[in-house]
Amino acid sequence: MTIGDWRSQSAYEHLRDTNWRDYAWEYLRRNEEYRAAYADPESRARLDAGIDGPERCWGLRFRG
């Protein structure tokens, strides 16, 4: 991942058309606790099945 000058307006041009779901995903995928939970097979299975309440823990909602 290339890190640009965070002070430069041009470094953020690609975000102009980004929706809130994309912002949320970018935050979540960088969250160390979420990454650790998702990397653990048992924890991931519970998250995927909704057993641990991912909507409570991570604010996730899935269409069903």
N, C-alpha and C. Protein backbone atom coordinates (compact mmCIF):
# COMPACT_ATOMS: atom_id res chain seq x y z
N MET A 1 0.84 -1.17 0.00
CA MET A 1 0.00 0.00 0.00
C MET A 1 0.89 1.24 0.00
N THR A 2 0.67 2.08 -0.96
CA THR A 2 1.43 3.31 -1.05
C THR A 2 0.80 4.37 -0.16
N ILE A 3 1.63 5.03 0.59
CA ILE A 3 1.13 6.09 1.46
C ILE A 3 1.52 7.42 0.85
N GLY A 4 0.52 8.21 0.51
CA GLY A 4 0.77 9.52 -0.06
C GLY A 4 0.88 10.57 1.02
N ASP A 5 0.99 11.79 0.58
CA ASP A 5 1.05 12.91 1.51
C ASP A 5 -0.36 13.17 2.04
N TRP A 6 -0.60 12.88 3.29
CA TRP A 6 -1.94 12.99 3.87
C TRP A 6 -2.45 14.42 3.87
N ARG A 7 -1.55 15.38 3.71
CA ARG A 7 -1.95 16.78 3.68
C ARG A 7 -2.39 17.24 2.30
N SER A 8 -2.10 16.43 1.29
CA SER A 8 -2.42 16.80 -0.08
C SER A 8 -3.86 16.43 -0.43
N GLN A 9 -4.61 17.40 -0.93
CA GLN A 9 -6.00 17.14 -1.32
C GLN A 9 -6.08 16.07 -2.40
N SER A 10 -5.10 16.01 -3.28
CA SER A 10 -5.13 15.02 -4.36
C SER A 10 -5.00 13.59 -3.84
N ALA A 11 -4.46 13.42 -2.64
CA ALA A 11 -4.33 12.08 -2.06
C ALA A 11 -5.69 11.49 -1.71
N TYR A 12 -6.72 12.31 -1.68
CA TYR A 12 -8.06 11.86 -1.28
C TYR A 12 -9.07 11.90 -2.42
N GLU A 13 -8.64 12.24 -3.62
CA GLU A 13 -9.55 12.33 -4.76
C GLU A 13 -10.29 11.02 -5.01
N HIS A 14 -9.61 9.90 -4.82
CA HIS A 14 -10.25 8.60 -5.08
C HIS A 14 -11.40 8.31 -4.11
N LEU A 15 -11.49 9.06 -3.03
CA LEU A 15 -12.55 8.85 -2.04
C LEU A 15 -13.80 9.68 -2.33
N ARG A 16 -13.73 10.53 -3.32
CA ARG A 16 -14.83 11.44 -3.61
C ARG A 16 -16.16 10.70 -3.84
N ASP A 17 -16.12 9.57 -4.53
CA ASP A 17 -17.34 8.83 -4.85
C ASP A 17 -17.52 7.59 -3.98
N THR A 18 -16.82 7.52 -2.88
CA THR A 18 -16.91 6.36 -2.00
C THR A 18 -18.16 6.46 -1.12
N ASN A 19 -18.87 5.35 -0.99
CA ASN A 19 -20.07 5.36 -0.15
C ASN A 19 -19.72 4.95 1.28
N TRP A 20 -20.69 5.06 2.17
CA TRP A 20 -20.44 4.78 3.59
C TRP A 20 -20.08 3.33 3.84
N ARG A 21 -20.60 2.40 3.01
CA ARG A 21 -20.27 0.98 3.19
C ARG A 21 -18.79 0.73 2.93
N ASP A 22 -18.26 1.39 1.90
CA ASP A 22 -16.84 1.24 1.60
C ASP A 22 -15.97 1.80 2.73
N TYR A 23 -16.35 2.96 3.26
CA TYR A 23 -15.61 3.52 4.40
C TYR A 23 -15.65 2.57 5.59
N ALA A 24 -16.83 2.03 5.86
CA ALA A 24 -16.98 1.12 7.00
C ALA A 24 -16.10 -0.11 6.82
N TRP A 25 -16.09 -0.68 5.61
CA TRP A 25 -15.29 -1.86 5.35
C TRP A 25 -13.80 -1.55 5.50
N GLU A 26 -13.36 -0.41 4.99
CA GLU A 26 -11.95 -0.05 5.11
C GLU A 26 -11.54 0.07 6.57
N TYR A 27 -12.41 0.62 7.40
CA TYR A 27 -12.11 0.71 8.83
C TYR A 27 -12.07 -0.68 9.46
N LEU A 28 -13.10 -1.47 9.18
CA LEU A 28 -13.22 -2.78 9.81
C LEU A 28 -12.07 -3.70 9.43
N ARG A 29 -11.70 -3.71 8.16
CA ARG A 29 -10.65 -4.64 7.73
C ARG A 29 -9.28 -4.29 8.30
N ARG A 30 -9.13 -3.08 8.81
CA ARG A 30 -7.87 -2.69 9.43
C ARG A 30 -7.89 -2.86 10.96
N ASN A 31 -9.05 -3.20 11.50
CA ASN A 31 -9.21 -3.35 12.94
C ASN A 31 -8.54 -4.65 13.39
N GLU A 32 -7.55 -4.55 14.27
CA GLU A 32 -6.79 -5.73 14.69
C GLU A 32 -7.64 -6.77 15.39
N GLU A 33 -8.59 -6.35 16.20
CA GLU A 33 -9.45 -7.31 16.90
C GLU A 33 -10.34 -8.08 15.91
N TYR A 34 -10.89 -7.38 14.94
CA TYR A 34 -11.72 -8.04 13.93
C TYR A 34 -10.88 -9.02 13.12
N ARG A 35 -9.70 -8.59 12.71
CA ARG A 35 -8.82 -9.46 11.92
C ARG A 35 -8.44 -10.70 12.70
N ALA A 36 -8.17 -10.56 13.99
CA ALA A 36 -7.81 -11.72 14.82
C ALA A 36 -9.00 -12.66 14.96
N ALA A 37 -10.19 -12.11 15.17
CA ALA A 37 -11.39 -12.94 15.30
C ALA A 37 -11.68 -13.67 14.00
N TYR A 38 -11.50 -12.98 12.88
CA TYR A 38 -11.80 -13.59 11.59
C TYR A 38 -10.74 -14.62 11.19
N ALA A 39 -9.52 -14.45 11.68
CA ALA A 39 -8.44 -15.39 11.36
C ALA A 39 -8.56 -16.70 12.13
N ASP A 40 -9.20 -16.65 13.30
CA ASP A 40 -9.39 -17.85 14.12
C ASP A 40 -10.58 -18.64 13.56
N PRO A 41 -10.35 -19.88 13.09
CA PRO A 41 -11.43 -20.65 12.45
C PRO A 41 -12.69 -20.80 13.30
N GLU A 42 -12.53 -21.05 14.59
CA GLU A 42 -13.71 -21.22 15.45
C GLU A 42 -14.47 -19.91 15.60
N SER A 43 -13.73 -18.85 15.84
CA SER A 43 -14.35 -17.54 15.99
C SER A 43 -15.00 -17.10 14.68
N ARG A 44 -14.33 -17.36 13.57
CA ARG A 44 -14.87 -16.99 12.26
C ARG A 44 -16.17 -17.73 11.98
N ALA A 45 -16.23 -19.00 12.31
CA ALA A 45 -17.45 -19.78 12.09
C ALA A 45 -18.61 -19.18 12.89
N ARG A 46 -18.33 -18.77 14.13
CA ARG A 46 -19.38 -18.17 14.96
C ARG A 46 -19.81 -16.82 14.41
N LEU A 47 -18.84 -16.03 13.94
CA LEU A 47 -19.18 -14.74 13.34
C LEU A 47 -20.01 -14.93 12.08
N ASP A 48 -19.56 -15.84 11.21
CA ASP A 48 -20.27 -16.08 9.95
C ASP A 48 -21.68 -16.60 10.19
N ALA A 49 -21.86 -17.39 11.23
CA ALA A 49 -23.17 -17.96 11.54
C ALA A 49 -24.05 -16.99 12.33
N GLY A 50 -23.47 -15.89 12.78
CA GLY A 50 -24.23 -14.92 13.55
C GLY A 50 -24.41 -15.31 15.00
N ILE A 51 -23.69 -16.33 15.44
CA ILE A 51 -23.84 -16.81 16.82
C ILE A 51 -23.32 -15.81 17.84
N ASP A 52 -22.21 -15.16 17.51
CA ASP A 52 -21.62 -14.20 18.45
C ASP A 52 -22.20 -12.80 18.29
N GLY A 53 -23.22 -12.69 17.50
CA GLY A 53 -23.85 -11.38 17.31
C GLY A 53 -22.93 -10.37 16.66
N PRO A 54 -22.48 -10.62 15.42
CA PRO A 54 -21.58 -9.66 14.77
C PRO A 54 -22.19 -8.27 14.66
N GLU A 55 -23.52 -8.22 14.62
CA GLU A 55 -24.15 -6.91 14.56
C GLU A 55 -23.92 -6.15 15.86
N ARG A 56 -23.82 -6.85 16.97
CA ARG A 56 -23.56 -6.23 18.26
C ARG A 56 -22.08 -5.90 18.41
N CYS A 57 -21.26 -6.87 18.07
CA CYS A 57 -19.82 -6.73 18.27
C CYS A 57 -19.17 -5.77 17.27
N TRP A 58 -19.54 -5.90 15.99
CA TRP A 58 -18.87 -5.14 14.94
C TRP A 58 -19.79 -4.19 14.18
N GLY A 59 -21.06 -4.18 14.53
CA GLY A 59 -22.00 -3.32 13.82
C GLY A 59 -22.37 -3.84 12.45
N LEU A 60 -22.20 -5.15 12.23
CA LEU A 60 -22.49 -5.74 10.93
C LEU A 60 -23.95 -6.15 10.83
N ARG A 61 -24.51 -5.95 9.66
CA ARG A 61 -25.87 -6.42 9.37
C ARG A 61 -25.83 -7.09 8.01
N PHE A 62 -26.44 -8.26 7.94
CA PHE A 62 -26.45 -9.02 6.69
C PHE A 62 -27.86 -9.12 6.16
N ARG A 63 -27.98 -8.96 4.87
CA ARG A 63 -29.30 -9.13 4.25
C ARG A 63 -29.62 -10.61 4.19
N GLY A 64 -30.86 -10.94 4.49
CA GLY A 64 -31.21 -12.35 4.50
C GLY A 64 -32.49 -12.68 3.80
